[in-house]
Every structure is written in structure tokens, then in C-alpha cells.
């Protein structure tokens, strides 16, 4: 078993490093998701404001020139 032990320890360390790297990647992706969601919310708000503004200008009756 002593010949196998160094290989097992090496594999264990490699797996731990891979796991840590995977956790870091997951955190980065979750941060990106949060950022993209915030951006989409801002865009959605801007679209809504522009739609409401356009609806207001198209629904108002044309004004006659002052005589």
C-alpha cells in the first residue's frame, strides 16, 4: 500500500485544487449574473420610460396654433 499512498495523496491534492478553482469560477459567474441582472433592470426601466413618453405624445390631441 505504501507505493500507492503517494499517488493517492497527489490525486487528493489535485482534486482539492480543482475544487477550489471551481468554487472561484462559480463565484465569478454568480457575480456576473448579478451584474447582468442589474443592467437588464436599468435597460427595462429606460424602455418603460421611453414607451410611456411616446405613448403620452401620441395620445395627446394636436394643439392648434394660437390666433
PDB file of N, CA and C in Angstrom:
ATOM      1  N   UNK A   1       0.821  -1.196   0.000  1.00  0.00           N
ATOM      2  CA  UNK A   1       0.000   0.000   0.000  1.00  0.00           C
ATOM      3  C   UNK A   1       0.863   1.256   0.000  1.00  0.00           C
ATOM      4  N   UNK A   2       2.103   1.149   0.470  1.00  0.00           N
ATOM      5  CA  UNK A   2       2.953   2.326   0.581  1.00  0.00           C
ATOM      6  C   UNK A   2       3.300   2.914  -0.782  1.00  0.00           C
ATOM      7  N   UNK A   3       3.334   2.095  -1.838  1.00  0.00           N
ATOM      8  CA  UNK A   3       3.592   2.607  -3.188  1.00  0.00           C
ATOM      9  C   UNK A   3       2.401   3.399  -3.713  1.00  0.00           C
ATOM     10  N   UNK A   4       1.238   3.024  -3.274  1.00  0.00           N
ATOM     11  CA  UNK A   4       0.013   3.666  -3.743  1.00  0.00           C
ATOM     12  C   UNK A   4      -0.283   4.978  -3.002  1.00  0.00           C
ATOM     13  N   UNK A   5       0.172   5.063  -1.763  1.00  0.00           N
ATOM     14  CA  UNK A   5      -0.151   6.225  -0.933  1.00  0.00           C
ATOM     15  C   UNK A   5       0.297   7.565  -1.533  1.00  0.00           C
ATOM     16  N   UNK A   6       1.514   7.692  -2.047  1.00  0.00           N
ATOM     17  CA  UNK A   6       1.909   8.984  -2.636  1.00  0.00           C
ATOM     18  C   UNK A   6       1.040   9.383  -3.835  1.00  0.00           C
ATOM     19  N   UNK A   7       0.657   8.386  -4.630  1.00  0.00           N
ATOM     20  CA  UNK A   7      -0.209   8.673  -5.781  1.00  0.00           C
ATOM     21  C   UNK A   7      -1.585   9.150  -5.320  1.00  0.00           C
ATOM     22  N   UNK A   8      -2.107   8.499  -4.284  1.00  0.00           N
ATOM     23  CA  UNK A   8      -3.414   8.894  -3.757  1.00  0.00           C
ATOM     24  C   UNK A   8      -3.361  10.300  -3.156  1.00  0.00           C
ATOM     25  N   UNK A   9      -2.283  10.593  -2.436  1.00  0.00           N
ATOM     26  CA  UNK A   9      -2.138  11.934  -1.854  1.00  0.00           C
ATOM     27  C   UNK A   9      -2.026  12.999  -2.951  1.00  0.00           C
ATOM     28  N   UNK A  10      -1.286  12.677  -3.992  1.00  0.00           N
ATOM     29  CA  UNK A  10      -1.131  13.601  -5.113  1.00  0.00           C
ATOM     30  C   UNK A  10      -2.482  13.842  -5.790  1.00  0.00           C
ATOM     31  N   UNK A  11      -3.223  12.773  -5.971  1.00  0.00           N
ATOM     32  CA  UNK A  11      -4.555  12.904  -6.602  1.00  0.00           C
ATOM     33  C   UNK A  11      -5.495  13.716  -5.716  1.00  0.00           C
ATOM     34  N   UNK A  12      -5.418  13.487  -4.401  1.00  0.00           N
ATOM     35  CA  UNK A  12      -6.244  14.233  -3.460  1.00  0.00           C
ATOM     36  C   UNK A  12      -5.934  15.734  -3.546  1.00  0.00           C
ATOM     37  N   UNK A  13      -4.675  16.089  -3.587  1.00  0.00           N
ATOM     38  CA  UNK A  13      -4.286  17.498  -3.684  1.00  0.00           C
ATOM     39  C   UNK A  13      -4.753  18.107  -5.014  1.00  0.00           C
ATOM     40  N   UNK A  14      -4.643  17.343  -6.090  1.00  0.00           N
ATOM     41  CA  UNK A  14      -5.096  17.823  -7.393  1.00  0.00           C
ATOM     42  C   UNK A  14      -6.607  18.068  -7.375  1.00  0.00           C
ATOM     43  N   UNK A  15      -7.349  17.160  -6.777  1.00  0.00           N
ATOM     44  CA  UNK A  15      -8.803  17.319  -6.691  1.00  0.00           C
ATOM     45  C   UNK A  15      -9.187  18.508  -5.814  1.00  0.00           C
ATOM     46  N   UNK A  16      -8.469  18.703  -4.714  1.00  0.00           N
ATOM     47  CA  UNK A  16      -8.740  19.859  -3.848  1.00  0.00           C
ATOM     48  C   UNK A  16      -8.482  21.167  -4.594  1.00  0.00           C
ATOM     49  N   UNK A  17      -7.400  21.216  -5.348  1.00  0.00           N
ATOM     50  CA  UNK A  17      -7.085  22.418  -6.127  1.00  0.00           C
ATOM     51  C   UNK A  17      -8.155  22.666  -7.193  1.00  0.00           C
ATOM     52  N   UNK A  18      -8.581  21.596  -7.850  1.00  0.00           N
ATOM     53  CA  UNK A  18      -9.628  21.712  -8.876  1.00  0.00           C
ATOM     54  C   UNK A  18     -10.946  22.175  -8.260  1.00  0.00           C
ATOM     55  N   UNK A  19     -11.247  21.683  -7.086  1.00  0.00           N
ATOM     56  CA  UNK A  19     -12.469  22.070  -6.385  1.00  0.00           C
ATOM     57  C   UNK A  19     -12.426  23.559  -6.022  1.00  0.00           C
ATOM     58  N   UNK A  20     -11.294  24.006  -5.499  1.00  0.00           N
ATOM     59  CA  UNK A  20     -11.135  25.416  -5.140  1.00  0.00           C
ATOM     60  C   UNK A  20     -11.274  26.306  -6.378  1.00  0.00           C
ATOM     61  N   UNK A  21     -10.656  25.889  -7.462  1.00  0.00           N
ATOM     62  CA  UNK A  21     -10.769  26.646  -8.711  1.00  0.00           C
ATOM     63  C   UNK A  21     -12.221  26.687  -9.189  1.00  0.00           C
ATOM     64  N   UNK A  22     -12.918  25.582  -9.061  1.00  0.00           N
ATOM     65  CA  UNK A  22     -14.332  25.532  -9.447  1.00  0.00           C
ATOM     66  C   UNK A  22     -15.183  26.463  -8.594  1.00  0.00           C
ATOM     67  N   UNK A  23     -14.896  26.531  -7.305  1.00  0.00           N
ATOM     68  CA  UNK A  23     -15.627  27.443  -6.420  1.00  0.00           C
ATOM     69  C   UNK A  23     -15.385  28.899  -6.823  1.00  0.00           C
ATOM     70  N   UNK A  24     -14.142  29.220  -7.149  1.00  0.00           N
ATOM     71  CA  UNK A  24     -13.817  30.582  -7.575  1.00  0.00           C
ATOM     72  C   UNK A  24     -14.539  30.934  -8.865  1.00  0.00           C
ATOM     73  N   UNK A  25     -14.560  30.008  -9.810  1.00  0.00           N
ATOM     74  CA  UNK A  25     -15.252  30.227 -11.074  1.00  0.00           C
ATOM     75  C   UNK A  25     -16.739  30.443 -10.839  1.00  0.00           C
ATOM     76  N   UNK A  26     -17.321  29.647  -9.961  1.00  0.00           N
ATOM     77  CA  UNK A  26     -18.735  29.783  -9.640  1.00  0.00           C
ATOM     78  C   UNK A  26     -19.029  31.152  -9.039  1.00  0.00           C
ATOM     79  N   UNK A  27     -18.178  31.620  -8.134  1.00  0.00           N
ATOM     80  CA  UNK A  27     -18.363  32.942  -7.538  1.00  0.00           C
ATOM     81  C   UNK A  27     -18.290  34.040  -8.599  1.00  0.00           C
ATOM     82  N   UNK A  28     -17.344  33.910  -9.529  1.00  0.00           N
ATOM     83  CA  UNK A  28     -17.215  34.897 -10.602  1.00  0.00           C
ATOM     84  C   UNK A  28     -18.470  34.912 -11.477  1.00  0.00           C
ATOM     85  N   UNK A  29     -18.968  33.736 -11.801  1.00  0.00           N
ATOM     86  CA  UNK A  29     -20.165  33.642 -12.634  1.00  0.00           C
ATOM     87  C   UNK A  29     -21.390  34.207 -11.916  1.00  0.00           C
ATOM     88  N   UNK A  30     -21.506  33.930 -10.631  1.00  0.00           N
ATOM     89  CA  UNK A  30     -22.628  34.477  -9.862  1.00  0.00           C
ATOM     90  C   UNK A  30     -22.548  35.997  -9.800  1.00  0.00           C
ATOM     91  N   UNK A  31     -21.344  36.524  -9.713  1.00  0.00           N
ATOM     92  CA  UNK A  31     -21.154  37.971  -9.722  1.00  0.00           C
ATOM     93  C   UNK A  31     -21.556  38.557 -11.076  1.00  0.00           C
ATOM     94  N   UNK A  32     -21.188  37.865 -12.141  1.00  0.00           N
ATOM     95  CA  UNK A  32     -21.576  38.310 -13.481  1.00  0.00           C
ATOM     96  C   UNK A  32     -23.088  38.273 -13.647  1.00  0.00           C
ATOM     97  N   UNK A  33     -23.732  37.238 -13.127  1.00  0.00           N
ATOM     98  CA  UNK A  33     -25.185  37.131 -13.204  1.00  0.00           C
ATOM     99  C   UNK A  33     -25.834  38.321 -12.509  1.00  0.00           C
ATOM    100  N   UNK A  34     -25.336  38.655 -11.324  1.00  0.00           N
ATOM    101  CA  UNK A  34     -25.877  39.786 -10.577  1.00  0.00           C
ATOM    102  C   UNK A  34     -25.707  41.075 -11.377  1.00  0.00           C
ATOM    103  N   UNK A  35     -24.550  41.250 -11.972  1.00  0.00           N
ATOM    104  CA  UNK A  35     -24.274  42.452 -12.761  1.00  0.00           C
ATOM    105  C   UNK A  35     -25.184  42.533 -13.991  1.00  0.00           C
ATOM    106  N   UNK A  36     -25.355  41.416 -14.682  1.00  0.00           N
ATOM    107  CA  UNK A  36     -26.208  41.395 -15.873  1.00  0.00           C
ATOM    108  C   UNK A  36     -27.660  41.661 -15.499  1.00  0.00           C
ATOM    109  N   UNK A  37     -28.106  41.094 -14.391  1.00  0.00           N
ATOM    110  CA  UNK A  37     -29.481  41.352 -13.940  1.00  0.00           C
ATOM    111  C   UNK A  37     -29.694  42.833 -13.652  1.00  0.00           C
ATOM    112  N   UNK A  38     -28.729  43.460 -12.987  1.00  0.00           N
ATOM    113  CA  UNK A  38     -28.846  44.890 -12.686  1.00  0.00           C
ATOM    114  C   UNK A  38     -28.880  45.706 -13.976  1.00  0.00           C
ATOM    115  N   UNK A  39     -28.052  45.346 -14.933  1.00  0.00           N
ATOM    116  CA  UNK A  39     -28.043  46.040 -16.219  1.00  0.00           C
ATOM    117  C   UNK A  39     -29.381  45.876 -16.935  1.00  0.00           C
ATOM    118  N   UNK A  40     -29.917  44.672 -16.928  1.00  0.00           N
ATOM    119  CA  UNK A  40     -31.207  44.434 -17.574  1.00  0.00           C
ATOM    120  C   UNK A  40     -32.327  45.218 -16.892  1.00  0.00           C
ATOM    121  N   UNK A  41     -32.257  45.349 -15.583  1.00  0.00           N
ATOM    122  CA  UNK A  41     -33.265  46.141 -14.872  1.00  0.00           C
ATOM    123  C   UNK A  41     -33.193  47.605 -15.284  1.00  0.00           C
ATOM    124  N   UNK A  42     -31.970  48.138 -15.409  1.00  0.00           N
ATOM    125  CA  UNK A  42     -31.822  49.530 -15.838  1.00  0.00           C
ATOM    126  C   UNK A  42     -32.342  49.716 -17.260  1.00  0.00           C
ATOM    127  N   UNK A  43     -32.013  48.786 -18.134  1.00  0.00           N
ATOM    128  CA  UNK A  43     -32.477  48.865 -19.525  1.00  0.00           C
ATOM    129  C   UNK A  43     -33.998  48.774 -19.570  1.00  0.00           C
ATOM    130  N   UNK A  44     -34.557  47.859 -18.801  1.00  0.00           N
ATOM    131  CA  UNK A  44     -36.003  47.692 -18.755  1.00  0.00           C
ATOM    132  C   UNK A  44     -36.680  48.985 -18.287  1.00  0.00           C
ATOM    133  N   UNK A  45     -36.104  49.618 -17.269  1.00  0.00           N
ATOM    134  CA  UNK A  45     -36.659  50.878 -16.781  1.00  0.00           C
ATOM    135  C   UNK A  45     -36.599  51.964 -17.838  1.00  0.00           C
ATOM    136  N   UNK A  46     -35.482  52.030 -18.550  1.00  0.00           N
ATOM    137  CA  UNK A  46     -35.340  53.034 -19.612  1.00  0.00           C
ATOM    138  C   UNK A  46     -36.338  52.782 -20.740  1.00  0.00           C
ATOM    139  N   UNK A  47     -36.531  51.520 -21.096  1.00  0.00           N
ATOM    140  CA  UNK A  47     -37.501  51.180 -22.141  1.00  0.00           C
ATOM    141  C   UNK A  47     -38.900  51.596 -21.701  1.00  0.00           C
ATOM    142  N   UNK A  48     -39.235  51.319 -20.464  1.00  0.00           N
ATOM    143  CA  UNK A  48     -40.559  51.674 -19.954  1.00  0.00           C
ATOM    144  C   UNK A  48     -40.771  53.184 -19.990  1.00  0.00           C
ATOM    145  N   UNK A  49     -39.775  53.946 -19.558  1.00  0.00           N
ATOM    146  CA  UNK A  49     -39.895  55.402 -19.569  1.00  0.00           C
ATOM    147  C   UNK A  49     -40.085  55.910 -20.995  1.00  0.00           C
ATOM    148  N   UNK A  50     -39.305  55.382 -21.927  1.00  0.00           N
ATOM    149  CA  UNK A  50     -39.433  55.818 -23.320  1.00  0.00           C
ATOM    150  C   UNK A  50     -40.785  55.426 -23.907  1.00  0.00           C
ATOM    151  N   UNK A  51     -41.270  54.235 -23.585  1.00  0.00           N
ATOM    152  CA  UNK A  51     -42.583  53.819 -24.078  1.00  0.00           C
ATOM    153  C   UNK A  51     -43.671  54.729 -23.530  1.00  0.00           C
ATOM    154  N   UNK A  52     -43.608  55.028 -22.241  1.00  0.00           N
ATOM    155  CA  UNK A  52     -44.609  55.902 -21.643  1.00  0.00           C
ATOM    156  C   UNK A  52     -44.531  57.305 -22.232  1.00  0.00           C
ATOM    157  N   UNK A  53     -43.329  57.778 -22.474  1.00  0.00           N
ATOM    158  CA  UNK A  53     -43.154  59.102 -23.072  1.00  0.00           C
ATOM    159  C   UNK A  53     -43.740  59.130 -24.481  1.00  0.00           C
ATOM    160  N   UNK A  54     -43.463  58.092 -25.247  1.00  0.00           N
ATOM    161  CA  UNK A  54     -44.000  58.033 -26.612  1.00  0.00           C
ATOM    162  C   UNK A  54     -45.514  57.891 -26.593  1.00  0.00           C
ATOM    163  N   UNK A  55     -46.042  57.101 -25.670  1.00  0.00           N
ATOM    164  CA  UNK A  55     -47.492  56.948 -25.559  1.00  0.00           C
ATOM    165  C   UNK A  55     -48.139  58.277 -25.200  1.00  0.00           C
ATOM    166  N   UNK A  56     -47.522  59.049 -24.309  1.00  0.00           N
ATOM    167  CA  UNK A  56     -48.055  60.352 -23.910  1.00  0.00           C
ATOM    168  C   UNK A  56     -48.088  61.310 -25.088  1.00  0.00           C
ATOM    169  N   UNK A  57     -47.057  61.300 -25.911  1.00  0.00           N
ATOM    170  CA  UNK A  57     -47.011  62.253 -27.028  1.00  0.00           C
ATOM    171  C   UNK A  57     -47.951  61.838 -28.156  1.00  0.00           C
ATOM    172  N   UNK A  58     -48.213  60.553 -28.322  1.00  0.00           N
ATOM    173  CA  UNK A  58     -49.101  60.116 -29.400  1.00  0.00           C
ATOM    174  C   UNK A  58     -50.570  60.185 -28.976  1.00  0.00           C
ATOM    175  N   UNK A  59     -50.836  60.146 -27.675  1.00  0.00           N
ATOM    176  CA  UNK A  59     -52.221  60.189 -27.208  1.00  0.00           C
ATOM    177  C   UNK A  59     -52.758  61.604 -27.052  1.00  0.00           C
ATOM    178  N   UNK A  60     -51.879  62.574 -26.972  1.00  0.00           N
ATOM    179  CA  UNK A  60     -52.350  63.947 -26.796  1.00  0.00           C
ATOM    180  C   UNK A  60     -52.881  64.474 -28.131  1.00  0.00           C
ATOM    181  N   UNK A  61     -54.037  65.177 -28.078  1.00  0.00           N
ATOM    182  CA  UNK A  61     -54.560  65.742 -29.317  1.00  0.00           C
ATOM    183  C   UNK A  61     -53.632  66.867 -29.797  1.00  0.00           C
ATOM    184  N   UNK A  62     -53.535  67.037 -31.096  1.00  0.00           N
ATOM    185  CA  UNK A  62     -52.687  68.097 -31.615  1.00  0.00           C
ATOM    186  C   UNK A  62     -53.209  69.454 -31.158  1.00  0.00           C
ATOM    187  N   UNK A  63     -52.279  70.344 -30.855  1.00  0.00           N
ATOM    188  CA  UNK A  63     -52.678  71.668 -30.398  1.00  0.00           C
ATOM    189  C   UNK A  63     -52.773  72.603 -31.602  1.00  0.00           C
ATOM    190  N   UNK A  64     -53.817  73.445 -31.578  1.00  0.00           N
ATOM    191  CA  UNK A  64     -53.998  74.419 -32.652  1.00  0.00           C
ATOM    192  C   UNK A  64     -53.094  75.622 -32.386  1.00  0.00           C
ATOM    193  N   UNK A  65     -52.599  76.221 -33.430  1.00  0.00           N
ATOM    194  CA  UNK A  65     -51.764  77.418 -33.235  1.00  0.00           C
ATOM    195  C   UNK A  65     -52.597  78.541 -32.612  1.00  0.00           C
ATOM    196  N   UNK A  66     -51.962  79.344 -31.793  1.00  0.00           N
ATOM    197  CA  UNK A  66     -52.638  80.479 -31.159  1.00  0.00           C
ATOM    198  C   UNK A  66     -52.955  81.528 -32.217  1.00  0.00           C
ATOM    199  N   UNK A  67     -54.160  82.117 -32.127  1.00  0.00           N
ATOM    200  CA  UNK A  67     -54.546  83.124 -33.106  1.00  0.00           C
ATOM    201  C   UNK A  67     -54.289  84.513 -32.599  1.00  0.00           C
TER     202      UNK A  67
END
